[in-house]
Amino acid sequence: MTYEVLMAALTEFGLPSQVTLKKIRDRHRQLVRQYHPDKGAAPDNDKIRRINAAYKVLNEYISDYRFDFSKEIFWEQYPEERLQDQFYGVGLWGEKN
């Protein structure tokens, strides 16, 4: 897989470069429903193939992704928790209670 293939898959789904797994799955479900031949519109088999190929690429990329559960990354995702950890229980003059 190349970066260009990955970006083409995101473009096919109309998604930004930062996206959650849930959004990828929801978007795939939405696109398949929209272009499915049973929907009543003229079937676009090529579009369905592209959607499924893009989903396969995104799924493959995500399955190989290594998640970082370090405290620094956690605080980056949830800055209010960093502030609470840093200042909870600290008195007026900076000493811990």
PDB file of N, CA and C in Angstrom:
ATOM      1  N   MET A   1       0.840  -1.172   0.000  1.00  0.00           N
ATOM      2  CA  MET A   1       0.000   0.000   0.000  1.00  0.00           C
ATOM      3  C   MET A   1       0.888   1.239   0.000  1.00  0.00           C
ATOM      4  N   THR A   2       0.503   2.216  -0.770  1.00  0.00           N
ATOM      5  CA  THR A   2       1.230   3.483  -0.788  1.00  0.00           C
ATOM      6  C   THR A   2       0.373   4.560  -0.134  1.00  0.00           C
ATOM      7  N   TYR A   3       1.001   5.669   0.174  1.00  0.00           N
ATOM      8  CA  TYR A   3       0.278   6.791   0.780  1.00  0.00           C
ATOM      9  C   TYR A   3      -0.783   7.322  -0.180  1.00  0.00           C
ATOM     10  N   GLU A   4      -0.465   7.329  -1.464  1.00  0.00           N
ATOM     11  CA  GLU A   4      -1.417   7.817  -2.460  1.00  0.00           C
ATOM     12  C   GLU A   4      -2.672   6.940  -2.502  1.00  0.00           C
ATOM     13  N   VAL A   5      -2.487   5.631  -2.381  1.00  0.00           N
ATOM     14  CA  VAL A   5      -3.629   4.705  -2.360  1.00  0.00           C
ATOM     15  C   VAL A   5      -4.480   4.962  -1.122  1.00  0.00           C
ATOM     16  N   LEU A   6      -3.818   5.184   0.013  1.00  0.00           N
ATOM     17  CA  LEU A   6      -4.537   5.470   1.251  1.00  0.00           C
ATOM     18  C   LEU A   6      -5.339   6.768   1.134  1.00  0.00           C
ATOM     19  N   MET A   7      -4.727   7.802   0.568  1.00  0.00           N
ATOM     20  CA  MET A   7      -5.420   9.077   0.409  1.00  0.00           C
ATOM     21  C   MET A   7      -6.565   8.972  -0.612  1.00  0.00           C
ATOM     22  N   ALA A   8      -6.380   8.153  -1.639  1.00  0.00           N
ATOM     23  CA  ALA A   8      -7.451   7.938  -2.619  1.00  0.00           C
ATOM     24  C   ALA A   8      -8.646   7.257  -1.951  1.00  0.00           C
ATOM     25  N   ALA A   9      -8.380   6.343  -1.030  1.00  0.00           N
ATOM     26  CA  ALA A   9      -9.462   5.675  -0.306  1.00  0.00           C
ATOM     27  C   ALA A   9     -10.219   6.673   0.570  1.00  0.00           C
ATOM     28  N   LEU A  10      -9.499   7.543   1.246  1.00  0.00           N
ATOM     29  CA  LEU A  10     -10.156   8.575   2.054  1.00  0.00           C
ATOM     30  C   LEU A  10     -10.974   9.513   1.172  1.00  0.00           C
ATOM     31  N   THR A  11     -10.437   9.860   0.014  1.00  0.00           N
ATOM     32  CA  THR A  11     -11.143  10.740  -0.917  1.00  0.00           C
ATOM     33  C   THR A  11     -12.409  10.067  -1.428  1.00  0.00           C
ATOM     34  N   GLU A  12     -12.326   8.790  -1.729  1.00  0.00           N
ATOM     35  CA  GLU A  12     -13.500   8.038  -2.190  1.00  0.00           C
ATOM     36  C   GLU A  12     -14.614   8.081  -1.150  1.00  0.00           C
ATOM     37  N   PHE A  13     -14.222   8.054   0.122  1.00  0.00           N
ATOM     38  CA  PHE A  13     -15.193   8.110   1.203  1.00  0.00           C
ATOM     39  C   PHE A  13     -15.574   9.550   1.564  1.00  0.00           C
ATOM     40  N   GLY A  14     -14.813  10.525   1.062  1.00  0.00           N
ATOM     41  CA  GLY A  14     -15.085  11.920   1.386  1.00  0.00           C
ATOM     42  C   GLY A  14     -14.766  12.243   2.839  1.00  0.00           C
ATOM     43  N   LEU A  15     -13.697  11.645   3.360  1.00  0.00           N
ATOM     44  CA  LEU A  15     -13.324  11.824   4.756  1.00  0.00           C
ATOM     45  C   LEU A  15     -12.039  12.633   4.886  1.00  0.00           C
ATOM     46  N   PRO A  16     -11.871  13.336   6.021  1.00  0.00           N
ATOM     47  CA  PRO A  16     -10.623  14.075   6.253  1.00  0.00           C
ATOM     48  C   PRO A  16      -9.496  13.126   6.628  1.00  0.00           C
ATOM     49  N   SER A  17      -8.296  13.662   6.796  1.00  0.00           N
ATOM     50  CA  SER A  17      -7.139  12.810   7.096  1.00  0.00           C
ATOM     51  C   SER A  17      -7.143  12.304   8.533  1.00  0.00           C
ATOM     52  N   GLN A  18      -7.869  12.932   9.430  1.00  0.00           N
ATOM     53  CA  GLN A  18      -8.005  12.429  10.798  1.00  0.00           C
ATOM     54  C   GLN A  18      -9.447  11.993  10.993  1.00  0.00           C
ATOM     55  N   VAL A  19      -9.616  10.700  11.189  1.00  0.00           N
ATOM     56  CA  VAL A  19     -10.963  10.153  11.279  1.00  0.00           C
ATOM     57  C   VAL A  19     -10.952   8.947  12.211  1.00  0.00           C
ATOM     58  N   THR A  20     -12.073   8.684  12.837  1.00  0.00           N
ATOM     59  CA  THR A  20     -12.177   7.540  13.740  1.00  0.00           C
ATOM     60  C   THR A  20     -12.636   6.307  12.966  1.00  0.00           C
ATOM     61  N   LEU A  21     -12.403   5.157  13.571  1.00  0.00           N
ATOM     62  CA  LEU A  21     -12.852   3.899  12.990  1.00  0.00           C
ATOM     63  C   LEU A  21     -14.372   3.895  12.849  1.00  0.00           C
ATOM     64  N   LYS A  22     -15.066   4.431  13.821  1.00  0.00           N
ATOM     65  CA  LYS A  22     -16.527   4.491  13.773  1.00  0.00           C
ATOM     66  C   LYS A  22     -17.001   5.301  12.571  1.00  0.00           C
ATOM     67  N   LYS A  23     -16.344   6.423  12.296  1.00  0.00           N
ATOM     68  CA  LYS A  23     -16.750   7.251  11.152  1.00  0.00           C
ATOM     69  C   LYS A  23     -16.491   6.538   9.828  1.00  0.00           C
ATOM     70  N   ILE A  24     -15.405   5.789   9.761  1.00  0.00           N
ATOM     71  CA  ILE A  24     -15.114   5.027   8.542  1.00  0.00           C
ATOM     72  C   ILE A  24     -16.200   3.986   8.315  1.00  0.00           C
ATOM     73  N   ARG A  25     -16.542   3.259   9.367  1.00  0.00           N
ATOM     74  CA  ARG A  25     -17.585   2.230   9.240  1.00  0.00           C
ATOM     75  C   ARG A  25     -18.937   2.838   8.908  1.00  0.00           C
ATOM     76  N   ASP A  26     -19.285   3.944   9.560  1.00  0.00           N
ATOM     77  CA  ASP A  26     -20.565   4.603   9.281  1.00  0.00           C
ATOM     78  C   ASP A  26     -20.633   5.115   7.844  1.00  0.00           C
ATOM     79  N   ARG A  27     -19.531   5.691   7.388  1.00  0.00           N
ATOM     80  CA  ARG A  27     -19.493   6.220   6.018  1.00  0.00           C
ATOM     81  C   ARG A  27     -19.588   5.081   4.994  1.00  0.00           C
ATOM     82  N   HIS A  28     -18.928   3.962   5.253  1.00  0.00           N
ATOM     83  CA  HIS A  28     -19.011   2.808   4.353  1.00  0.00           C
ATOM     84  C   HIS A  28     -20.455   2.320   4.274  1.00  0.00           C
ATOM     85  N   ARG A  29     -21.091   2.183   5.409  1.00  0.00           N
ATOM     86  CA  ARG A  29     -22.488   1.734   5.450  1.00  0.00           C
ATOM     87  C   ARG A  29     -23.381   2.704   4.673  1.00  0.00           C
ATOM     88  N   GLN A  30     -23.155   3.992   4.858  1.00  0.00           N
ATOM     89  CA  GLN A  30     -23.948   5.014   4.181  1.00  0.00           C
ATOM     90  C   GLN A  30     -23.756   4.949   2.661  1.00  0.00           C
ATOM     91  N   LEU A  31     -22.524   4.824   2.212  1.00  0.00           N
ATOM     92  CA  LEU A  31     -22.249   4.777   0.774  1.00  0.00           C
ATOM     93  C   LEU A  31     -22.799   3.513   0.128  1.00  0.00           C
ATOM     94  N   VAL A  32     -22.669   2.389   0.821  1.00  0.00           N
ATOM     95  CA  VAL A  32     -23.185   1.137   0.264  1.00  0.00           C
ATOM     96  C   VAL A  32     -24.701   1.208   0.131  1.00  0.00           C
ATOM     97  N   ARG A  33     -25.366   1.753   1.123  1.00  0.00           N
ATOM     98  CA  ARG A  33     -26.826   1.921   1.040  1.00  0.00           C
ATOM     99  C   ARG A  33     -27.202   2.847  -0.108  1.00  0.00           C
ATOM    100  N   GLN A  34     -26.445   3.918  -0.261  1.00  0.00           N
ATOM    101  CA  GLN A  34     -26.747   4.916  -1.289  1.00  0.00           C
ATOM    102  C   GLN A  34     -26.606   4.342  -2.699  1.00  0.00           C
ATOM    103  N   TYR A  35     -25.587   3.537  -2.939  1.00  0.00           N
ATOM    104  CA  TYR A  35     -25.302   3.048  -4.290  1.00  0.00           C
ATOM    105  C   TYR A  35     -25.713   1.595  -4.519  1.00  0.00           C
ATOM    106  N   HIS A  36     -26.382   1.004  -3.571  1.00  0.00           N
ATOM    107  CA  HIS A  36     -26.780  -0.400  -3.712  1.00  0.00           C
ATOM    108  C   HIS A  36     -27.814  -0.544  -4.832  1.00  0.00           C
ATOM    109  N   PRO A  37     -27.713  -1.589  -5.660  1.00  0.00           N
ATOM    110  CA  PRO A  37     -28.652  -1.779  -6.774  1.00  0.00           C
ATOM    111  C   PRO A  37     -30.106  -1.928  -6.327  1.00  0.00           C
ATOM    112  N   ASP A  38     -30.341  -2.443  -5.138  1.00  0.00           N
ATOM    113  CA  ASP A  38     -31.707  -2.608  -4.651  1.00  0.00           C
ATOM    114  C   ASP A  38     -32.341  -1.290  -4.214  1.00  0.00           C
ATOM    115  N   LYS A  39     -31.570  -0.228  -4.223  1.00  0.00           N
ATOM    116  CA  LYS A  39     -32.061   1.074  -3.796  1.00  0.00           C
ATOM    117  C   LYS A  39     -33.054   1.664  -4.797  1.00  0.00           C
ATOM    118  N   GLY A  40     -33.071   1.143  -6.011  1.00  0.00           N
ATOM    119  CA  GLY A  40     -34.022   1.617  -7.004  1.00  0.00           C
ATOM    120  C   GLY A  40     -33.382   2.437  -8.109  1.00  0.00           C
ATOM    121  N   ALA A  41     -32.241   3.006  -7.834  1.00  0.00           N
ATOM    122  CA  ALA A  41     -31.552   3.790  -8.856  1.00  0.00           C
ATOM    123  C   ALA A  41     -30.818   2.836  -9.803  1.00  0.00           C
ATOM    124  N   ALA A  42     -30.348   3.395 -10.894  1.00  0.00           N
ATOM    125  CA  ALA A  42     -29.583   2.588 -11.847  1.00  0.00           C
ATOM    126  C   ALA A  42     -28.330   2.077 -11.143  1.00  0.00           C
ATOM    127  N   PRO A  43     -28.083   0.769 -11.190  1.00  0.00           N
ATOM    128  CA  PRO A  43     -26.923   0.225 -10.478  1.00  0.00           C
ATOM    129  C   PRO A  43     -25.606   0.743 -11.053  1.00  0.00           C
ATOM    130  N   ASP A  44     -24.735   1.136 -10.161  1.00  0.00           N
ATOM    131  CA  ASP A  44     -23.402   1.601 -10.549  1.00  0.00           C
ATOM    132  C   ASP A  44     -22.395   0.632  -9.920  1.00  0.00           C
ATOM    133  N   ASN A  45     -22.187  -0.489 -10.607  1.00  0.00           N
ATOM    134  CA  ASN A  45     -21.322  -1.540 -10.075  1.00  0.00           C
ATOM    135  C   ASN A  45     -19.891  -1.062  -9.871  1.00  0.00           C
ATOM    136  N   ASP A  46     -19.431  -0.175 -10.747  1.00  0.00           N
ATOM    137  CA  ASP A  46     -18.066   0.337 -10.619  1.00  0.00           C
ATOM    138  C   ASP A  46     -17.906   1.146  -9.326  1.00  0.00           C
ATOM    139  N   LYS A  47     -18.910   1.940  -9.001  1.00  0.00           N
ATOM    140  CA  LYS A  47     -18.856   2.756  -7.780  1.00  0.00           C
ATOM    141  C   LYS A  47     -18.852   1.855  -6.543  1.00  0.00           C
ATOM    142  N   ILE A  48     -19.688   0.819  -6.547  1.00  0.00           N
ATOM    143  CA  ILE A  48     -19.723  -0.125  -5.419  1.00  0.00           C
ATOM    144  C   ILE A  48     -18.368  -0.815  -5.273  1.00  0.00           C
ATOM    145  N   ARG A  49     -17.754  -1.198  -6.381  1.00  0.00           N
ATOM    146  CA  ARG A  49     -16.426  -1.831  -6.315  1.00  0.00           C
ATOM    147  C   ARG A  49     -15.398  -0.880  -5.727  1.00  0.00           C
ATOM    148  N   ARG A  50     -15.430   0.391  -6.152  1.00  0.00           N
ATOM    149  CA  ARG A  50     -14.487   1.382  -5.624  1.00  0.00           C
ATOM    150  C   ARG A  50     -14.704   1.612  -4.127  1.00  0.00           C
ATOM    151  N   ILE A  51     -15.959   1.659  -3.707  1.00  0.00           N
ATOM    152  CA  ILE A  51     -16.268   1.857  -2.287  1.00  0.00           C
ATOM    153  C   ILE A  51     -15.733   0.690  -1.467  1.00  0.00           C
ATOM    154  N   ASN A  52     -15.993  -0.520  -1.922  1.00  0.00           N
ATOM    155  CA  ASN A  52     -15.522  -1.701  -1.182  1.00  0.00           C
ATOM    156  C   ASN A  52     -14.004  -1.815  -1.197  1.00  0.00           C
ATOM    157  N   ALA A  53     -13.368  -1.451  -2.297  1.00  0.00           N
ATOM    158  CA  ALA A  53     -11.904  -1.473  -2.365  1.00  0.00           C
ATOM    159  C   ALA A  53     -11.314  -0.424  -1.418  1.00  0.00           C
ATOM    160  N   ALA A  54     -11.919   0.754  -1.371  1.00  0.00           N
ATOM    161  CA  ALA A  54     -11.451   1.804  -0.468  1.00  0.00           C
ATOM    162  C   ALA A  54     -11.613   1.362   0.985  1.00  0.00           C
ATOM    163  N   TYR A  55     -12.727   0.722   1.294  1.00  0.00           N
ATOM    164  CA  TYR A  55     -12.952   0.233   2.655  1.00  0.00           C
ATOM    165  C   TYR A  55     -11.918  -0.820   3.030  1.00  0.00           C
ATOM    166  N   LYS A  56     -11.583  -1.681   2.091  1.00  0.00           N
ATOM    167  CA  LYS A  56     -10.582  -2.708   2.340  1.00  0.00           C
ATOM    168  C   LYS A  56      -9.220  -2.068   2.637  1.00  0.00           C
ATOM    169  N   VAL A  57      -8.846  -1.048   1.872  1.00  0.00           N
ATOM    170  CA  VAL A  57      -7.575  -0.351   2.088  1.00  0.00           C
ATOM    171  C   VAL A  57      -7.563   0.306   3.468  1.00  0.00           C
ATOM    172  N   LEU A  58      -8.643   1.024   3.809  1.00  0.00           N
ATOM    173  CA  LEU A  58      -8.705   1.702   5.105  1.00  0.00           C
ATOM    174  C   LEU A  58      -8.695   0.701   6.260  1.00  0.00           C
ATOM    175  N   ASN A  59      -9.423  -0.378   6.097  1.00  0.00           N
ATOM    176  CA  ASN A  59      -9.458  -1.413   7.132  1.00  0.00           C
ATOM    177  C   ASN A  59      -8.082  -2.053   7.323  1.00  0.00           C
ATOM    178  N   GLU A  60      -7.391  -2.298   6.223  1.00  0.00           N
ATOM    179  CA  GLU A  60      -6.048  -2.881   6.284  1.00  0.00           C
ATOM    180  C   GLU A  60      -5.088  -1.942   7.004  1.00  0.00           C
ATOM    181  N   TYR A  61      -5.173  -0.653   6.683  1.00  0.00           N
ATOM    182  CA  TYR A  61      -4.303   0.331   7.323  1.00  0.00           C
ATOM    183  C   TYR A  61      -4.576   0.394   8.828  1.00  0.00           C
ATOM    184  N   ILE A  62      -5.835   0.413   9.195  1.00  0.00           N
ATOM    185  CA  ILE A  62      -6.206   0.516  10.605  1.00  0.00           C
ATOM    186  C   ILE A  62      -5.801  -0.735  11.371  1.00  0.00           C
ATOM    187  N   SER A  63      -5.953  -1.904  10.762  1.00  0.00           N
ATOM    188  CA  SER A  63      -5.637  -3.139  11.479  1.00  0.00           C
ATOM    189  C   SER A  63      -4.146  -3.253  11.786  1.00  0.00           C
ATOM    190  N   ASP A  64      -3.300  -2.594  10.999  1.00  0.00           N
ATOM    191  CA  ASP A  64      -1.858  -2.620  11.247  1.00  0.00           C
ATOM    192  C   ASP A  64      -1.370  -1.449  12.097  1.00  0.00           C
ATOM    193  N   TYR A  65      -2.272  -0.543  12.452  1.00  0.00           N
ATOM    194  CA  TYR A  65      -1.893   0.643  13.215  1.00  0.00           C
ATOM    195  C   TYR A  65      -1.573   0.255  14.653  1.00  0.00           C
ATOM    196  N   ARG A  66      -0.535   0.826  15.188  1.00  0.00           N
ATOM    197  CA  ARG A  66      -0.159   0.581  16.571  1.00  0.00           C
ATOM    198  C   ARG A  66      -0.630   1.775  17.410  1.00  0.00           C
ATOM    199  N   PHE A  67      -1.462   1.485  18.360  1.00  0.00           N
ATOM    200  CA  PHE A  67      -1.998   2.533  19.209  1.00  0.00           C
ATOM    201  C   PHE A  67      -1.039   2.826  20.350  1.00  0.00           C
ATOM    202  N   ASP A  68      -0.978   4.077  20.722  1.00  0.00           N
ATOM    203  CA  ASP A  68      -0.099   4.523  21.798  1.00  0.00           C
ATOM    204  C   ASP A  68      -0.964   4.866  23.007  1.00  0.00           C
ATOM    205  N   PHE A  69      -0.773   4.129  24.078  1.00  0.00           N
ATOM    206  CA  PHE A  69      -1.547   4.354  25.287  1.00  0.00           C
ATOM    207  C   PHE A  69      -0.723   5.041  26.372  1.00  0.00           C
ATOM    208  N   SER A  70       0.282   5.792  25.949  1.00  0.00           N
ATOM    209  CA  SER A  70       1.105   6.497  26.926  1.00  0.00           C
ATOM    210  C   SER A  70       0.315   7.654  27.540  1.00  0.00           C
ATOM    211  N   LYS A  71       0.754   8.073  28.702  1.00  0.00           N
ATOM    212  CA  LYS A  71       0.076   9.161  29.411  1.00  0.00           C
ATOM    213  C   LYS A  71       0.117  10.460  28.605  1.00  0.00           C
ATOM    214  N   GLU A  72       1.227  10.713  27.912  1.00  0.00           N
ATOM    215  CA  GLU A  72       1.352  11.941  27.131  1.00  0.00           C
ATOM    216  C   GLU A  72       0.316  11.989  25.998  1.00  0.00           C
ATOM    217  N   ILE A  73       0.140  10.879  25.317  1.00  0.00           N
ATOM    218  CA  ILE A  73      -0.840  10.827  24.233  1.00  0.00           C
ATOM    219  C   ILE A  73      -2.254  10.920  24.795  1.00  0.00           C
ATOM    220  N   PHE A  74      -2.497  10.283  25.941  1.00  0.00           N
ATOM    221  CA  PHE A  74      -3.801  10.375  26.592  1.00  0.00           C
ATOM    222  C   PHE A  74      -4.122  11.828  26.915  1.00  0.00           C
ATOM    223  N   TRP A  75      -3.149  12.537  27.473  1.00  0.00           N
ATOM    224  CA  TRP A  75      -3.359  13.940  27.816  1.00  0.00           C
ATOM    225  C   TRP A  75      -3.564  14.793  26.576  1.00  0.00           C
ATOM    226  N   GLU A  76      -2.936  14.417  25.481  1.00  0.00           N
ATOM    227  CA  GLU A  76      -3.138  15.131  24.226  1.00  0.00           C
ATOM    228  C   GLU A  76      -4.586  14.974  23.749  1.00  0.00           C
ATOM    229  N   GLN A  77      -5.135  13.770  23.919  1.00  0.00           N
ATOM    230  CA  GLN A  77      -6.509  13.495  23.509  1.00  0.00           C
ATOM    231  C   GLN A  77      -7.527  14.113  24.479  1.00  0.00           C
ATOM    232  N   TYR A  78      -7.175  14.160  25.767  1.00  0.00           N
ATOM    233  CA  TYR A  78      -8.078  14.659  26.807  1.00  0.00           C
ATOM    234  C   TYR A  78      -7.351  15.691  27.671  1.00  0.00           C
ATOM    235  N   PRO A  79      -7.197  16.915  27.172  1.00  0.00           N
ATOM    236  CA  PRO A  79      -6.414  17.921  27.908  1.00  0.00           C
ATOM    237  C   PRO A  79      -7.017  18.279  29.270  1.00  0.00           C
ATOM    238  N   GLU A  80      -8.330  18.158  29.422  1.00  0.00           N
ATOM    239  CA  GLU A  80      -8.933  18.485  30.721  1.00  0.00           C
ATOM    240  C   GLU A  80      -8.478  17.497  31.797  1.00  0.00           C
ATOM    241  N   GLU A  81      -8.192  16.264  31.410  1.00  0.00           N
ATOM    242  CA  GLU A  81      -7.684  15.286  32.375  1.00  0.00           C
ATOM    243  C   GLU A  81      -6.259  15.641  32.819  1.00  0.00           C
ATOM    244  N   ARG A  82      -5.462  16.170  31.897  1.00  0.00           N
ATOM    245  CA  ARG A  82      -4.109  16.601  32.254  1.00  0.00           C
ATOM    246  C   ARG A  82      -4.174  17.726  33.283  1.00  0.00           C
ATOM    247  N   LEU A  83      -5.071  18.676  33.050  1.00  0.00           N
ATOM    248  CA  LEU A  83      -5.210  19.787  33.989  1.00  0.00           C
ATOM    249  C   LEU A  83      -5.683  19.302  35.350  1.00  0.00           C
ATOM    250  N   GLN A  84      -6.634  18.383  35.359  1.00  0.00           N
ATOM    251  CA  GLN A  84      -7.124  17.853  36.626  1.00  0.00           C
ATOM    252  C   GLN A  84      -6.017  17.103  37.362  1.00  0.00           C
ATOM    253  N   ASP A  85      -5.248  16.300  36.621  1.00  0.00           N
ATOM    254  CA  ASP A  85      -4.152  15.560  37.240  1.00  0.00           C
ATOM    255  C   ASP A  85      -3.083  16.507  37.771  1.00  0.00           C
ATOM    256  N   GLN A  86      -2.851  17.564  37.046  1.00  0.00           N
ATOM    257  CA  GLN A  86      -1.795  18.501  37.415  1.00  0.00           C
ATOM    258  C   GLN A  86      -2.200  19.379  38.604  1.00  0.00           C
ATOM    259  N   PHE A  87      -3.473  19.785  38.660  1.00  0.00           N
ATOM    260  CA  PHE A  87      -3.861  20.782  39.664  1.00  0.00           C
ATOM    261  C   PHE A  87      -4.844  20.283  40.722  1.00  0.00           C
ATOM    262  N   TYR A  88      -5.385  19.086  40.588  1.00  0.00           N
ATOM    263  CA  TYR A  88      -6.334  18.589  41.579  1.00  0.00           C
ATOM    264  C   TYR A  88      -5.625  18.365  42.905  1.00  0.00           C
ATOM    265  N   GLY A  89      -6.173  18.898  43.935  1.00  0.00           N
ATOM    266  CA  GLY A  89      -5.600  18.725  45.262  1.00  0.00           C
ATOM    267  C   GLY A  89      -4.465  19.680  45.572  1.00  0.00           C
ATOM    268  N   VAL A  90      -4.243  20.656  44.711  1.00  0.00           N
ATOM    269  CA  VAL A  90      -3.180  21.636  44.945  1.00  0.00           C
ATOM    270  C   VAL A  90      -3.796  22.849  45.627  1.00  0.00           C
ATOM    271  N   GLY A  91      -3.193  23.239  46.724  1.00  0.00           N
ATOM    272  CA  GLY A  91      -3.694  24.386  47.465  1.00  0.00           C
ATOM    273  C   GLY A  91      -3.327  25.708  46.795  1.00  0.00           C
ATOM    274  N   LEU A  92      -3.691  26.767  47.453  1.00  0.00           N
ATOM    275  CA  LEU A  92      -3.464  28.112  46.937  1.00  0.00           C
ATOM    276  C   LEU A  92      -2.001  28.413  46.662  1.00  0.00           C
ATOM    277  N   TRP A  93      -1.100  27.884  47.460  1.00  0.00           N
ATOM    278  CA  TRP A  93       0.326  28.196  47.323  1.00  0.00           C
ATOM    279  C   TRP A  93       1.089  27.092  46.615  1.00  0.00           C
ATOM    280  N   GLY A  94       0.399  26.137  45.993  1.00  0.00           N
ATOM    281  CA  GLY A  94       1.062  25.127  45.195  1.00  0.00           C
ATOM    282  C   GLY A  94       1.372  23.831  45.907  1.00  0.00           C
ATOM    283  N   GLU A  95       1.075  23.742  47.207  1.00  0.00           N
ATOM    284  CA  GLU A  95       1.358  22.494  47.923  1.00  0.00           C
ATOM    285  C   GLU A  95       0.167  21.539  47.734  1.00  0.00           C
ATOM    286  N   LYS A  96       0.479  20.248  47.719  1.00  0.00           N
ATOM    287  CA  LYS A  96      -0.566  19.226  47.583  1.00  0.00           C
ATOM    288  C   LYS A  96      -1.310  19.105  48.901  1.00  0.00           C
ATOM    289  N   ASN A  97      -2.615  18.945  48.801  1.00  0.00           N
ATOM    290  CA  ASN A  97      -3.447  18.764  50.004  1.00  0.00           C
ATOM    291  C   ASN A  97      -3.496  17.326  50.404  1.00  0.00           C
TER     292      ASN A  97
END
